[in-house]
Protein backbone atom coordinates (compact mmCIF):
# COMPACT_ATOMS: atom_id res chain seq x y z
CA MET A 1 161.11 3.95 175.42
CA GLU A 2 158.33 2.61 177.44
CA ALA A 3 159.04 -0.41 179.45
CA LEU A 4 156.64 -3.10 178.93
CA ILE A 5 155.30 -4.13 182.34
CA PRO A 6 153.76 -7.42 182.24
CA THR A 7 150.18 -7.25 183.24
CA GLN A 8 148.72 -10.09 185.26
CA LYS A 9 145.66 -11.35 183.61
CA SER A 10 142.86 -12.56 186.03
CA VAL A 11 142.27 -16.32 186.11
CA PHE A 12 138.66 -15.54 185.90
CA ARG A 13 139.07 -13.83 182.48
CA ASN A 14 140.34 -16.99 180.91
CA PRO A 15 137.61 -18.63 178.62
CA TYR A 16 139.30 -22.13 178.93
CA LEU A 17 138.50 -22.10 182.56
CA TYR A 18 134.65 -21.84 182.02
CA SER A 19 134.74 -24.32 179.11
CA ALA A 20 136.60 -26.79 181.23
CA MET A 21 134.03 -26.37 183.99
CA VAL A 22 131.19 -26.94 181.59
CA VAL A 23 132.96 -30.09 180.14
CA LEU A 24 133.58 -31.53 183.59
CA GLY A 25 130.06 -30.83 184.47
CA VAL A 26 128.65 -32.65 181.55
CA LEU A 27 131.04 -35.55 182.07
CA ALA A 28 129.93 -35.79 185.78
CA TYR A 29 126.25 -35.80 184.67
CA VAL A 30 126.87 -38.50 182.06
CA ALA A 31 128.73 -40.61 184.62
CA PHE A 32 125.96 -40.25 187.17
CA ILE A 33 123.48 -41.40 184.52
CA PHE A 34 125.60 -44.45 183.66
CA ILE A 35 126.04 -45.42 187.24
CA SER A 36 122.55 -44.96 188.25
CA ARG A 37 121.25 -46.96 185.25
CA ARG A 38 123.77 -49.88 185.95
CA ALA A 39 122.48 -49.93 189.65
CA SER A 40 118.95 -50.08 188.36
CA ASP A 41 119.67 -52.91 185.82
CA ARG A 42 121.38 -54.84 188.67
CA ALA A 43 118.36 -54.44 190.90
CA TYR A 44 116.12 -55.60 188.20
CA ASP A 45 118.12 -58.63 187.45
CA ARG A 46 118.15 -59.53 191.20
CA ARG A 47 114.44 -59.23 191.30
CA SER A 48 113.97 -61.24 188.10
CA ALA A 49 116.21 -64.07 189.30
CA LYS A 50 114.33 -64.17 192.72
CA GLN A 51 111.06 -64.39 190.92
CA ALA A 52 112.24 -67.02 188.52
CA ALA A 53 113.68 -69.20 191.43
CA GLN A 54 110.29 -68.87 193.39
CA GLN A 55 108.43 -69.94 190.02
CA GLN A 56 110.83 -73.07 189.66
CA ARG A 57 110.25 -74.02 193.31
CA ALA A 58 106.48 -73.93 192.76
CA VAL A 59 106.85 -76.03 189.68
CA ASP A 60 109.17 -78.45 191.45
CA ARG A 61 106.71 -78.73 194.32
CA ALA A 62 103.83 -79.36 191.86
CA VAL A 63 105.88 -82.24 190.12
CA ILE A 64 106.70 -83.83 193.45
CA GLU A 65 103.08 -83.82 194.52
CA GLN A 66 101.95 -85.26 191.24
CA LEU A 67 104.53 -88.00 191.45
CA GLY A 68 103.53 -88.87 195.04
CA GLY A 69 105.11 -86.31 197.29
CA GLY A 70 108.35 -86.99 199.13
CA ASP A 71 107.34 -90.24 200.63
CA LEU A 72 108.87 -93.61 199.85
CA ALA A 73 106.17 -95.39 197.92
CA ILE A 74 105.51 -98.26 195.40
CA ARG A 75 102.95 -96.51 193.05
CA THR A 76 102.21 -99.52 190.96
CA PHE A 77 103.35 -103.23 191.00
CA TYR A 78 101.33 -105.65 188.71
CA VAL A 79 101.64 -108.54 186.34
CA SER A 80 100.15 -108.62 182.94
CA PRO A 81 98.36 -110.99 182.17
CA PRO A 82 97.87 -112.28 185.67
CA SER A 83 97.46 -115.95 184.48
CA ILE A 84 99.48 -117.72 181.71
CA ALA A 85 100.10 -121.07 180.25
CA HIS A 86 103.04 -123.22 180.83
CA GLY A 87 105.77 -121.88 178.43
CA GLN A 88 104.38 -118.49 177.83
CA SER A 89 105.63 -115.17 179.32
CA ALA A 90 104.18 -112.17 181.11
CA GLN A 91 105.35 -108.70 181.86
CA LEU A 92 106.05 -107.78 185.64
CA CYS A 93 105.83 -104.00 185.91
CA TYR A 94 106.54 -101.49 188.60
CA ASP A 95 106.63 -97.61 189.49
CA VAL A 96 108.42 -96.36 192.46
CA ASP A 97 108.78 -92.98 194.15
CA ASN A 98 111.89 -91.78 195.99
CA ALA A 99 113.58 -95.24 196.10
CA LYS A 100 117.43 -95.50 196.13
CA LYS A 101 117.50 -99.46 195.85
CA VAL A 102 114.99 -101.76 194.26
CA THR A 103 115.09 -105.58 194.69
CA LEU A 104 112.86 -108.24 193.14
CA ASN A 105 112.55 -111.69 194.86
CA PRO A 106 112.82 -114.19 193.11
CA PRO A 107 115.28 -112.20 190.94
CA VAL A 108 114.50 -112.45 187.28
CA ALA A 109 116.09 -109.45 185.85
CA GLU A 110 118.03 -106.40 186.88
CA VAL A 111 115.77 -103.80 188.53
CA TRP A 112 116.45 -100.17 189.52
CA PRO A 113 114.39 -97.08 190.64
CA SER A 114 112.14 -96.12 187.85
CA HIS A 115 108.70 -94.49 187.22
CA THR A 116 107.97 -97.08 184.43
CA ARG A 117 109.68 -100.39 184.22
CA CYS A 118 108.58 -103.73 182.99
CA VAL A 119 110.55 -107.09 182.84
CA ASP A 120 109.58 -110.29 181.12
CA VAL A 121 108.93 -113.35 183.22
CA SER A 122 108.21 -116.90 182.29
CA PRO A 123 108.04 -119.13 185.38
CA LYS A 124 107.47 -122.82 185.20
CA ARG A 125 104.95 -122.80 188.03
CA THR A 126 102.68 -120.31 189.95
CA THR A 127 105.14 -117.75 191.55
CA ASP A 128 104.69 -114.89 193.99
CA TYR A 129 107.00 -111.94 193.28
CA THR A 130 107.95 -109.52 195.99
CA LEU A 131 109.21 -105.95 195.15
CA THR A 132 111.09 -104.28 197.90
CA ILE A 133 112.20 -100.64 197.80
CA ARG A 134 114.58 -98.68 200.22
CA ASP A 135 115.40 -94.96 200.53
CA SER A 136 118.50 -93.33 201.51
CA ALA A 137 117.47 -93.36 205.20
CA GLY A 138 117.07 -97.17 205.11
CA LYS A 139 113.22 -97.03 205.27
CA ALA A 140 111.71 -99.83 203.26
CA ALA A 141 108.36 -100.90 201.42
CA SER A 142 107.30 -104.04 199.90
CA GLU A 143 104.57 -105.37 197.79
CA ARG A 144 103.65 -108.75 196.30
CA VAL A 145 101.86 -109.97 193.26
CA ARG A 146 101.13 -113.56 191.99
CA LEU A 147 101.52 -114.98 188.61
CA GLU A 148 99.52 -118.00 188.04
CA VAL A 149 100.72 -120.73 185.64
CA ARG A 150 98.01 -123.18 184.33
């Protein structure tokens, strides 16, 4: 009876080894593709966000320039009509830029910073109205308008 001698099979003759190496190679390639695409997408998102921020800043600058820049200013302050008969009323209107506080003297109604605000006034005699505005630094500007009562 012949003794069976176990023969050692070479590791390199195992087909599973080569199959596993091919599968690992494919997985590594797929992982590389996903990682590189994700990095590319992040870079694109950063560039897009930076470009959008630059465009928004440009739009904001244009709006500020259209509205009178960053300076404290009374853009308009007028009374319409400029002359009324006793007992009638007129509208006192103002438009201010960059004001934090607005006061009207003599006080006739509540006023606040606005780009378009009108209040009704009906004085008994000719009156000078003074609009005073202040910014957050304490800088002030004033303007006066007269409403004549006949």
